Every structure is written in structure tokens, then in C-alpha cells.
Amino acid sequence: ESSYRFERGVDLDGVLPALDRAAA
């Protein structure tokens, strides 16, 4: 599921919001 999304391009500006959400 991860590679499927990386292959299609993820949001460069979404890296930090997702990190904070998961940490919380």
C-alpha cells in the first residue's frame, strides 16, 4: 500500500502533518 502511493506521488507538504497525526 505504501509503494502504491509513493509510485503515484505523495504531497511534499503533507509529510509533516501526517507525521504529527501519527505521533499523536
mmCIF file of all heavy atoms, coordinates in Angstrom:
data_MODEL
# 
_entry.id   MODEL 
# 
loop_
_atom_site.group_PDB 
_atom_site.id 
_atom_site.type_symbol 
_atom_site.label_atom_id 
_atom_site.label_alt_id 
_atom_site.label_comp_id 
_atom_site.label_asym_id 
_atom_site.label_entity_id 
_atom_site.label_seq_id 
_atom_site.pdbx_PDB_ins_code 
_atom_site.Cartn_x 
_atom_site.Cartn_y 
_atom_site.Cartn_z 
_atom_site.occupancy 
_atom_site.B_iso_or_equiv 
_atom_site.pdbx_formal_charge 
_atom_site.auth_seq_id 
_atom_site.auth_comp_id 
_atom_site.auth_asym_id 
_atom_site.auth_atom_id 
_atom_site.pdbx_PDB_model_num 
ATOM 1   N N   . GLU A 1 1  ? 0.835  -1.201 0.000  1.00 0.00 ? 1  GLU A N   1 
ATOM 2   C CA  . GLU A 1 1  ? 0.000  0.000  0.000  1.00 0.00 ? 1  GLU A CA  1 
ATOM 3   C C   . GLU A 1 1  ? 0.870  1.251  0.000  1.00 0.00 ? 1  GLU A C   1 
ATOM 4   O O   . GLU A 1 1  ? 0.529  2.260  -0.613 1.00 0.00 ? 1  GLU A O   1 
ATOM 5   C CB  . GLU A 1 1  ? -0.917 -0.007 1.225  1.00 0.00 ? 1  GLU A CB  1 
ATOM 6   C CG  . GLU A 1 1  ? -2.009 -1.062 1.194  1.00 0.00 ? 1  GLU A CG  1 
ATOM 7   C CD  . GLU A 1 1  ? -3.111 -0.735 0.213  1.00 0.00 ? 1  GLU A CD  1 
ATOM 8   O OE1 . GLU A 1 1  ? -3.269 0.446  -0.153 1.00 0.00 ? 1  GLU A OE1 1 
ATOM 9   O OE2 . GLU A 1 1  ? -3.826 -1.664 -0.192 1.00 0.00 ? 1  GLU A OE2 1 
ATOM 10  N N   . SER A 1 2  ? 2.015  1.190  0.671  1.00 0.00 ? 2  SER A N   1 
ATOM 11  C CA  . SER A 1 2  ? 2.919  2.345  0.715  1.00 0.00 ? 2  SER A CA  1 
ATOM 12  C C   . SER A 1 2  ? 3.542  2.606  -0.644 1.00 0.00 ? 2  SER A C   1 
ATOM 13  O O   . SER A 1 2  ? 3.524  3.740  -1.150 1.00 0.00 ? 2  SER A O   1 
ATOM 14  C CB  . SER A 1 2  ? 4.020  2.111  1.753  1.00 0.00 ? 2  SER A CB  1 
ATOM 15  O OG  . SER A 1 2  ? 3.487  2.075  3.057  1.00 0.00 ? 2  SER A OG  1 
ATOM 16  N N   . SER A 1 3  ? 4.113  1.560  -1.264 1.00 0.00 ? 3  SER A N   1 
ATOM 17  C CA  . SER A 1 3  ? 4.767  1.766  -2.556 1.00 0.00 ? 3  SER A CA  1 
ATOM 18  C C   . SER A 1 3  ? 3.759  2.199  -3.608 1.00 0.00 ? 3  SER A C   1 
ATOM 19  O O   . SER A 1 3  ? 4.078  2.985  -4.507 1.00 0.00 ? 3  SER A O   1 
ATOM 20  C CB  . SER A 1 3  ? 5.490  0.490  -2.999 1.00 0.00 ? 3  SER A CB  1 
ATOM 21  O OG  . SER A 1 3  ? 4.587  -0.566 -3.232 1.00 0.00 ? 3  SER A OG  1 
ATOM 22  N N   . TYR A 1 4  ? 2.531  1.692  -3.511 1.00 0.00 ? 4  TYR A N   1 
ATOM 23  C CA  . TYR A 1 4  ? 1.478  2.080  -4.457 1.00 0.00 ? 4  TYR A CA  1 
ATOM 24  C C   . TYR A 1 4  ? 1.267  3.592  -4.437 1.00 0.00 ? 4  TYR A C   1 
ATOM 25  O O   . TYR A 1 4  ? 1.075  4.218  -5.484 1.00 0.00 ? 4  TYR A O   1 
ATOM 26  C CB  . TYR A 1 4  ? 0.190  1.350  -4.084 1.00 0.00 ? 4  TYR A CB  1 
ATOM 27  C CG  . TYR A 1 4  ? -0.978 1.592  -5.009 1.00 0.00 ? 4  TYR A CG  1 
ATOM 28  C CD1 . TYR A 1 4  ? -1.000 1.047  -6.290 1.00 0.00 ? 4  TYR A CD1 1 
ATOM 29  C CD2 . TYR A 1 4  ? -2.068 2.363  -4.608 1.00 0.00 ? 4  TYR A CD2 1 
ATOM 30  C CE1 . TYR A 1 4  ? -2.078 1.259  -7.136 1.00 0.00 ? 4  TYR A CE1 1 
ATOM 31  C CE2 . TYR A 1 4  ? -3.141 2.578  -5.444 1.00 0.00 ? 4  TYR A CE2 1 
ATOM 32  C CZ  . TYR A 1 4  ? -3.151 2.018  -6.705 1.00 0.00 ? 4  TYR A CZ  1 
ATOM 33  O OH  . TYR A 1 4  ? -4.217 2.238  -7.543 1.00 0.00 ? 4  TYR A OH  1 
ATOM 34  N N   . ARG A 1 5  ? 1.332  4.186  -3.259 1.00 0.00 ? 5  ARG A N   1 
ATOM 35  C CA  . ARG A 1 5  ? 1.140  5.635  -3.143 1.00 0.00 ? 5  ARG A CA  1 
ATOM 36  C C   . ARG A 1 5  ? 2.397  6.409  -3.537 1.00 0.00 ? 5  ARG A C   1 
ATOM 37  O O   . ARG A 1 5  ? 2.315  7.433  -4.209 1.00 0.00 ? 5  ARG A O   1 
ATOM 38  C CB  . ARG A 1 5  ? 0.695  5.982  -1.722 1.00 0.00 ? 5  ARG A CB  1 
ATOM 39  C CG  . ARG A 1 5  ? -0.758 5.601  -1.480 1.00 0.00 ? 5  ARG A CG  1 
ATOM 40  C CD  . ARG A 1 5  ? -1.121 5.536  -0.005 1.00 0.00 ? 5  ARG A CD  1 
ATOM 41  N NE  . ARG A 1 5  ? -2.557 5.301  0.141  1.00 0.00 ? 5  ARG A NE  1 
ATOM 42  C CZ  . ARG A 1 5  ? -3.142 4.118  0.012  1.00 0.00 ? 5  ARG A CZ  1 
ATOM 43  N NH1 . ARG A 1 5  ? -2.405 3.052  -0.264 1.00 0.00 ? 5  ARG A NH1 1 
ATOM 44  N NH2 . ARG A 1 5  ? -4.449 3.987  0.147  1.00 0.00 ? 5  ARG A NH2 1 
ATOM 45  N N   . PHE A 1 6  ? 3.568  5.939  -3.112 1.00 0.00 ? 6  PHE A N   1 
ATOM 46  C CA  . PHE A 1 6  ? 4.796  6.623  -3.498 1.00 0.00 ? 6  PHE A CA  1 
ATOM 47  C C   . PHE A 1 6  ? 4.985  6.623  -5.013 1.00 0.00 ? 6  PHE A C   1 
ATOM 48  O O   . PHE A 1 6  ? 5.467  7.600  -5.580 1.00 0.00 ? 6  PHE A O   1 
ATOM 49  C CB  . PHE A 1 6  ? 6.006  5.957  -2.833 1.00 0.00 ? 6  PHE A CB  1 
ATOM 50  C CG  . PHE A 1 6  ? 6.254  6.390  -1.418 1.00 0.00 ? 6  PHE A CG  1 
ATOM 51  C CD1 . PHE A 1 6  ? 6.347  5.457  -0.397 1.00 0.00 ? 6  PHE A CD1 1 
ATOM 52  C CD2 . PHE A 1 6  ? 6.396  7.732  -1.101 1.00 0.00 ? 6  PHE A CD2 1 
ATOM 53  C CE1 . PHE A 1 6  ? 6.586  5.846  0.911  1.00 0.00 ? 6  PHE A CE1 1 
ATOM 54  C CE2 . PHE A 1 6  ? 6.630  8.143  0.211  1.00 0.00 ? 6  PHE A CE2 1 
ATOM 55  C CZ  . PHE A 1 6  ? 6.727  7.193  1.214  1.00 0.00 ? 6  PHE A CZ  1 
ATOM 56  N N   . GLU A 1 7  ? 4.602  5.537  -5.673 1.00 0.00 ? 7  GLU A N   1 
ATOM 57  C CA  . GLU A 1 7  ? 4.767  5.452  -7.122 1.00 0.00 ? 7  GLU A CA  1 
ATOM 58  C C   . GLU A 1 7  ? 3.916  6.492  -7.847 1.00 0.00 ? 7  GLU A C   1 
ATOM 59  O O   . GLU A 1 7  ? 4.248  6.895  -8.968 1.00 0.00 ? 7  GLU A O   1 
ATOM 60  C CB  . GLU A 1 7  ? 4.378  4.053  -7.609 1.00 0.00 ? 7  GLU A CB  1 
ATOM 61  C CG  . GLU A 1 7  ? 5.388  2.980  -7.231 1.00 0.00 ? 7  GLU A CG  1 
ATOM 62  C CD  . GLU A 1 7  ? 4.892  1.585  -7.590 1.00 0.00 ? 7  GLU A CD  1 
ATOM 63  O OE1 . GLU A 1 7  ? 3.881  1.480  -8.327 1.00 0.00 ? 7  GLU A OE1 1 
ATOM 64  O OE2 . GLU A 1 7  ? 5.509  0.602  -7.149 1.00 0.00 ? 7  GLU A OE2 1 
ATOM 65  N N   . ARG A 1 8  ? 2.821  6.923  -7.240 1.00 0.00 ? 8  ARG A N   1 
ATOM 66  C CA  . ARG A 1 8  ? 1.934  7.895  -7.861 1.00 0.00 ? 8  ARG A CA  1 
ATOM 67  C C   . ARG A 1 8  ? 2.180  9.309  -7.379 1.00 0.00 ? 8  ARG A C   1 
ATOM 68  O O   . ARG A 1 8  ? 1.567  10.246 -7.853 1.00 0.00 ? 8  ARG A O   1 
ATOM 69  C CB  . ARG A 1 8  ? 0.478  7.479  -7.627 1.00 0.00 ? 8  ARG A CB  1 
ATOM 70  C CG  . ARG A 1 8  ? 0.063  6.356  -8.562 1.00 0.00 ? 8  ARG A CG  1 
ATOM 71  C CD  . ARG A 1 8  ? -1.010 5.462  -7.982 1.00 0.00 ? 8  ARG A CD  1 
ATOM 72  N NE  . ARG A 1 8  ? -1.303 4.386  -8.929 1.00 0.00 ? 8  ARG A NE  1 
ATOM 73  C CZ  . ARG A 1 8  ? -0.552 3.310  -9.112 1.00 0.00 ? 8  ARG A CZ  1 
ATOM 74  N NH1 . ARG A 1 8  ? 0.557  3.163  -8.404 1.00 0.00 ? 8  ARG A NH1 1 
ATOM 75  N NH2 . ARG A 1 8  ? -0.897 2.387  -9.994 1.00 0.00 ? 8  ARG A NH2 1 
ATOM 76  N N   . GLY A 1 9  ? 3.089  9.454  -6.443 1.00 0.00 ? 9  GLY A N   1 
ATOM 77  C CA  . GLY A 1 9  ? 3.474  10.777 -5.969 1.00 0.00 ? 9  GLY A CA  1 
ATOM 78  C C   . GLY A 1 9  ? 2.674  11.219 -4.764 1.00 0.00 ? 9  GLY A C   1 
ATOM 79  O O   . GLY A 1 9  ? 1.447  11.316 -4.834 1.00 0.00 ? 9  GLY A O   1 
ATOM 80  N N   . VAL A 1 10 ? 3.344  11.455 -3.643 1.00 0.00 ? 10 VAL A N   1 
ATOM 81  C CA  . VAL A 1 10 ? 2.675  11.948 -2.447 1.00 0.00 ? 10 VAL A CA  1 
ATOM 82  C C   . VAL A 1 10 ? 2.936  13.450 -2.312 1.00 0.00 ? 10 VAL A C   1 
ATOM 83  O O   . VAL A 1 10 ? 3.777  14.021 -3.001 1.00 0.00 ? 10 VAL A O   1 
ATOM 84  C CB  . VAL A 1 10 ? 3.139  11.190 -1.189 1.00 0.00 ? 10 VAL A CB  1 
ATOM 85  C CG1 . VAL A 1 10 ? 2.835  9.703  -1.314 1.00 0.00 ? 10 VAL A CG1 1 
ATOM 86  C CG2 . VAL A 1 10 ? 4.622  11.411 -0.928 1.00 0.00 ? 10 VAL A CG2 1 
ATOM 87  N N   . ASP A 1 11 ? 2.204  14.063 -1.421 1.00 0.00 ? 11 ASP A N   1 
ATOM 88  C CA  . ASP A 1 11 ? 2.272  15.516 -1.217 1.00 0.00 ? 11 ASP A CA  1 
ATOM 89  C C   . ASP A 1 11 ? 3.509  15.869 -0.389 1.00 0.00 ? 11 ASP A C   1 
ATOM 90  O O   . ASP A 1 11 ? 3.630  15.454 0.764  1.00 0.00 ? 11 ASP A O   1 
ATOM 91  C CB  . ASP A 1 11 ? 0.993  15.971 -0.519 1.00 0.00 ? 11 ASP A CB  1 
ATOM 92  C CG  . ASP A 1 11 ? 0.953  17.466 -0.265 1.00 0.00 ? 11 ASP A CG  1 
ATOM 93  O OD1 . ASP A 1 11 ? 1.837  18.185 -0.779 1.00 0.00 ? 11 ASP A OD1 1 
ATOM 94  O OD2 . ASP A 1 11 ? 0.026  17.908 0.439  1.00 0.00 ? 11 ASP A OD2 1 
ATOM 95  N N   . LEU A 1 12 ? 4.400  16.629 -0.967 1.00 0.00 ? 12 LEU A N   1 
ATOM 96  C CA  . LEU A 1 12 ? 5.616  17.036 -0.268 1.00 0.00 ? 12 LEU A CA  1 
ATOM 97  C C   . LEU A 1 12 ? 5.286  17.850 0.981  1.00 0.00 ? 12 LEU A C   1 
ATOM 98  O O   . LEU A 1 12 ? 5.977  17.763 2.003  1.00 0.00 ? 12 LEU A O   1 
ATOM 99  C CB  . LEU A 1 12 ? 6.511  17.842 -1.217 1.00 0.00 ? 12 LEU A CB  1 
ATOM 100 C CG  . LEU A 1 12 ? 7.954  18.082 -0.794 1.00 0.00 ? 12 LEU A CG  1 
ATOM 101 C CD1 . LEU A 1 12 ? 8.692  16.768 -0.575 1.00 0.00 ? 12 LEU A CD1 1 
ATOM 102 C CD2 . LEU A 1 12 ? 8.673  18.919 -1.836 1.00 0.00 ? 12 LEU A CD2 1 
ATOM 103 N N   . ASP A 1 13 ? 4.222  18.650 0.913  1.00 0.00 ? 13 ASP A N   1 
ATOM 104 C CA  . ASP A 1 13 ? 3.825  19.452 2.069  1.00 0.00 ? 13 ASP A CA  1 
ATOM 105 C C   . ASP A 1 13 ? 2.990  18.656 3.073  1.00 0.00 ? 13 ASP A C   1 
ATOM 106 O O   . ASP A 1 13 ? 2.647  19.185 4.136  1.00 0.00 ? 13 ASP A O   1 
ATOM 107 C CB  . ASP A 1 13 ? 3.025  20.677 1.615  1.00 0.00 ? 13 ASP A CB  1 
ATOM 108 C CG  . ASP A 1 13 ? 3.900  21.713 0.923  1.00 0.00 ? 13 ASP A CG  1 
ATOM 109 O OD1 . ASP A 1 13 ? 5.137  21.534 0.917  1.00 0.00 ? 13 ASP A OD1 1 
ATOM 110 O OD2 . ASP A 1 13 ? 3.363  22.684 0.366  1.00 0.00 ? 13 ASP A OD2 1 
ATOM 111 N N   . GLY A 1 14 ? 2.657  17.416 2.732  1.00 0.00 ? 14 GLY A N   1 
ATOM 112 C CA  . GLY A 1 14 ? 1.871  16.593 3.648  1.00 0.00 ? 14 GLY A CA  1 
ATOM 113 C C   . GLY A 1 14 ? 2.706  15.708 4.536  1.00 0.00 ? 14 GLY A C   1 
ATOM 114 O O   . GLY A 1 14 ? 2.164  14.979 5.383  1.00 0.00 ? 14 GLY A O   1 
ATOM 115 N N   . VAL A 1 15 ? 4.031  15.755 4.379  1.00 0.00 ? 15 VAL A N   1 
ATOM 116 C CA  . VAL A 1 15 ? 4.920  14.891 5.150  1.00 0.00 ? 15 VAL A CA  1 
ATOM 117 C C   . VAL A 1 15 ? 4.811  15.175 6.649  1.00 0.00 ? 15 VAL A C   1 
ATOM 118 O O   . VAL A 1 15 ? 4.630  14.258 7.462  1.00 0.00 ? 15 VAL A O   1 
ATOM 119 C CB  . VAL A 1 15 ? 6.376  15.050 4.660  1.00 0.00 ? 15 VAL A CB  1 
ATOM 120 C CG1 . VAL A 1 15 ? 7.353  14.375 5.616  1.00 0.00 ? 15 VAL A CG1 1 
ATOM 121 C CG2 . VAL A 1 15 ? 6.531  14.491 3.250  1.00 0.00 ? 15 VAL A CG2 1 
ATOM 122 N N   . LEU A 1 16 ? 4.919  16.434 7.036  1.00 0.00 ? 16 LEU A N   1 
ATOM 123 C CA  . LEU A 1 16 ? 4.887  16.779 8.463  1.00 0.00 ? 16 LEU A CA  1 
ATOM 124 C C   . LEU A 1 16 ? 3.510  16.613 9.102  1.00 0.00 ? 16 LEU A C   1 
ATOM 125 O O   . LEU A 1 16 ? 3.413  16.071 10.209 1.00 0.00 ? 16 LEU A O   1 
ATOM 126 C CB  . LEU A 1 16 ? 5.394  18.203 8.677  1.00 0.00 ? 16 LEU A CB  1 
ATOM 127 C CG  . LEU A 1 16 ? 6.915  18.395 8.655  1.00 0.00 ? 16 LEU A CG  1 
ATOM 128 C CD1 . LEU A 1 16 ? 7.276  19.838 8.951  1.00 0.00 ? 16 LEU A CD1 1 
ATOM 129 C CD2 . LEU A 1 16 ? 7.596  17.479 9.660  1.00 0.00 ? 16 LEU A CD2 1 
ATOM 130 N N   . PRO A 1 17 ? 2.404  17.067 8.467  1.00 0.00 ? 17 PRO A N   1 
ATOM 131 C CA  . PRO A 1 17 ? 1.089  16.860 9.098  1.00 0.00 ? 17 PRO A CA  1 
ATOM 132 C C   . PRO A 1 17 ? 0.776  15.398 9.375  1.00 0.00 ? 17 PRO A C   1 
ATOM 133 O O   . PRO A 1 17 ? 0.221  15.067 10.422 1.00 0.00 ? 17 PRO A O   1 
ATOM 134 C CB  . PRO A 1 17 ? 0.114  17.461 8.069  1.00 0.00 ? 17 PRO A CB  1 
ATOM 135 C CG  . PRO A 1 17 ? 0.921  18.484 7.347  1.00 0.00 ? 17 PRO A CG  1 
ATOM 136 C CD  . PRO A 1 17 ? 2.299  17.914 7.261  1.00 0.00 ? 17 PRO A CD  1 
ATOM 137 N N   . ALA A 1 18 ? 1.149  14.506 8.456  1.00 0.00 ? 18 ALA A N   1 
ATOM 138 C CA  . ALA A 1 18 ? 0.907  13.080 8.681  1.00 0.00 ? 18 ALA A CA  1 
ATOM 139 C C   . ALA A 1 18 ? 1.771  12.552 9.826  1.00 0.00 ? 18 ALA A C   1 
ATOM 140 O O   . ALA A 1 18 ? 1.311  11.738 10.638 1.00 0.00 ? 18 ALA A O   1 
ATOM 141 C CB  . ALA A 1 18 ? 1.186  12.299 7.397  1.00 0.00 ? 18 ALA A CB  1 
ATOM 142 N N   . LEU A 1 19 ? 3.016  13.014 9.906  1.00 0.00 ? 19 LEU A N   1 
ATOM 143 C CA  . LEU A 1 19 ? 3.911  12.598 10.985 1.00 0.00 ? 19 LEU A CA  1 
ATOM 144 C C   . LEU A 1 19 ? 3.342  13.000 12.339 1.00 0.00 ? 19 LEU A C   1 
ATOM 145 O O   . LEU A 1 19 ? 3.323  12.202 13.294 1.00 0.00 ? 19 LEU A O   1 
ATOM 146 C CB  . LEU A 1 19 ? 5.292  13.223 10.777 1.00 0.00 ? 19 LEU A CB  1 
ATOM 147 C CG  . LEU A 1 19 ? 6.374  12.883 11.796 1.00 0.00 ? 19 LEU A CG  1 
ATOM 148 C CD1 . LEU A 1 19 ? 6.765  11.416 11.693 1.00 0.00 ? 19 LEU A CD1 1 
ATOM 149 C CD2 . LEU A 1 19 ? 7.599  13.778 11.599 1.00 0.00 ? 19 LEU A CD2 1 
ATOM 150 N N   . ASP A 1 20 ? 2.867  14.237 12.446 1.00 0.00 ? 20 ASP A N   1 
ATOM 151 C CA  . ASP A 1 20 ? 2.304  14.710 13.710 1.00 0.00 ? 20 ASP A CA  1 
ATOM 152 C C   . ASP A 1 20 ? 1.022  13.962 14.072 1.00 0.00 ? 20 ASP A C   1 
ATOM 153 O O   . ASP A 1 20 ? 0.782  13.637 15.240 1.00 0.00 ? 20 ASP A O   1 
ATOM 154 C CB  . ASP A 1 20 ? 2.025  16.216 13.623 1.00 0.00 ? 20 ASP A CB  1 
ATOM 155 C CG  . ASP A 1 20 ? 3.297  17.040 13.627 1.00 0.00 ? 20 ASP A CG  1 
ATOM 156 O OD1 . ASP A 1 20 ? 4.374  16.481 13.925 1.00 0.00 ? 20 ASP A OD1 1 
ATOM 157 O OD2 . ASP A 1 20 ? 3.224  18.240 13.310 1.00 0.00 ? 20 ASP A OD2 1 
ATOM 158 N N   . ARG A 1 21 ? 0.187  13.698 13.075 1.00 0.00 ? 21 ARG A N   1 
ATOM 159 C CA  . ARG A 1 21 ? -1.063 12.973 13.324 1.00 0.00 ? 21 ARG A CA  1 
ATOM 160 C C   . ARG A 1 21 ? -0.771 11.574 13.874 1.00 0.00 ? 21 ARG A C   1 
ATOM 161 O O   . ARG A 1 21 ? -1.383 11.130 14.837 1.00 0.00 ? 21 ARG A O   1 
ATOM 162 C CB  . ARG A 1 21 ? -1.851 12.887 12.026 1.00 0.00 ? 21 ARG A CB  1 
ATOM 163 C CG  . ARG A 1 21 ? -3.064 11.956 12.042 1.00 0.00 ? 21 ARG A CG  1 
ATOM 164 C CD  . ARG A 1 21 ? -4.185 12.488 12.885 1.00 0.00 ? 21 ARG A CD  1 
ATOM 165 N NE  . ARG A 1 21 ? -5.425 11.805 12.573 1.00 0.00 ? 21 ARG A NE  1 
ATOM 166 C CZ  . ARG A 1 21 ? -6.378 11.553 13.445 1.00 0.00 ? 21 ARG A CZ  1 
ATOM 167 N NH1 . ARG A 1 21 ? -6.241 11.951 14.705 1.00 0.00 ? 21 ARG A NH1 1 
ATOM 168 N NH2 . ARG A 1 21 ? -7.490 10.932 13.100 1.00 0.00 ? 21 ARG A NH2 1 
ATOM 169 N N   . ALA A 1 22 ? 0.184  10.884 13.274 1.00 0.00 ? 22 ALA A N   1 
ATOM 170 C CA  . ALA A 1 22 ? 0.520  9.533  13.713 1.00 0.00 ? 22 ALA A CA  1 
ATOM 171 C C   . ALA A 1 22 ? 1.148  9.552  15.110 1.00 0.00 ? 22 ALA A C   1 
ATOM 172 O O   . ALA A 1 22 ? 0.838  8.698  15.946 1.00 0.00 ? 22 ALA A O   1 
ATOM 173 C CB  . ALA A 1 22 ? 1.462  8.870  12.719 1.00 0.00 ? 22 ALA A CB  1 
ATOM 174 N N   . ALA A 1 23 ? 2.026  10.514 15.374 1.00 0.00 ? 23 ALA A N   1 
ATOM 175 C CA  . ALA A 1 23 ? 2.645  10.612 16.694 1.00 0.00 ? 23 ALA A CA  1 
ATOM 176 C C   . ALA A 1 23 ? 1.597  10.847 17.772 1.00 0.00 ? 23 ALA A C   1 
ATOM 177 O O   . ALA A 1 23 ? 1.655  10.247 18.864 1.00 0.00 ? 23 ALA A O   1 
ATOM 178 C CB  . ALA A 1 23 ? 3.688  11.730 16.701 1.00 0.00 ? 23 ALA A CB  1 
ATOM 179 N N   . ALA A 1 24 ? 0.623  11.712 17.480 1.00 0.00 ? 24 ALA A N   1 
ATOM 180 C CA  . ALA A 1 24 ? -0.437 11.988 18.450 1.00 0.00 ? 24 ALA A CA  1 
ATOM 181 C C   . ALA A 1 24 ? -1.260 10.734 18.729 1.00 0.00 ? 24 ALA A C   1 
ATOM 182 O O   . ALA A 1 24 ? -1.618 10.453 19.884 1.00 0.00 ? 24 ALA A O   1 
ATOM 183 C CB  . ALA A 1 24 ? -1.331 13.111 17.927 1.00 0.00 ? 24 ALA A CB  1 
# 
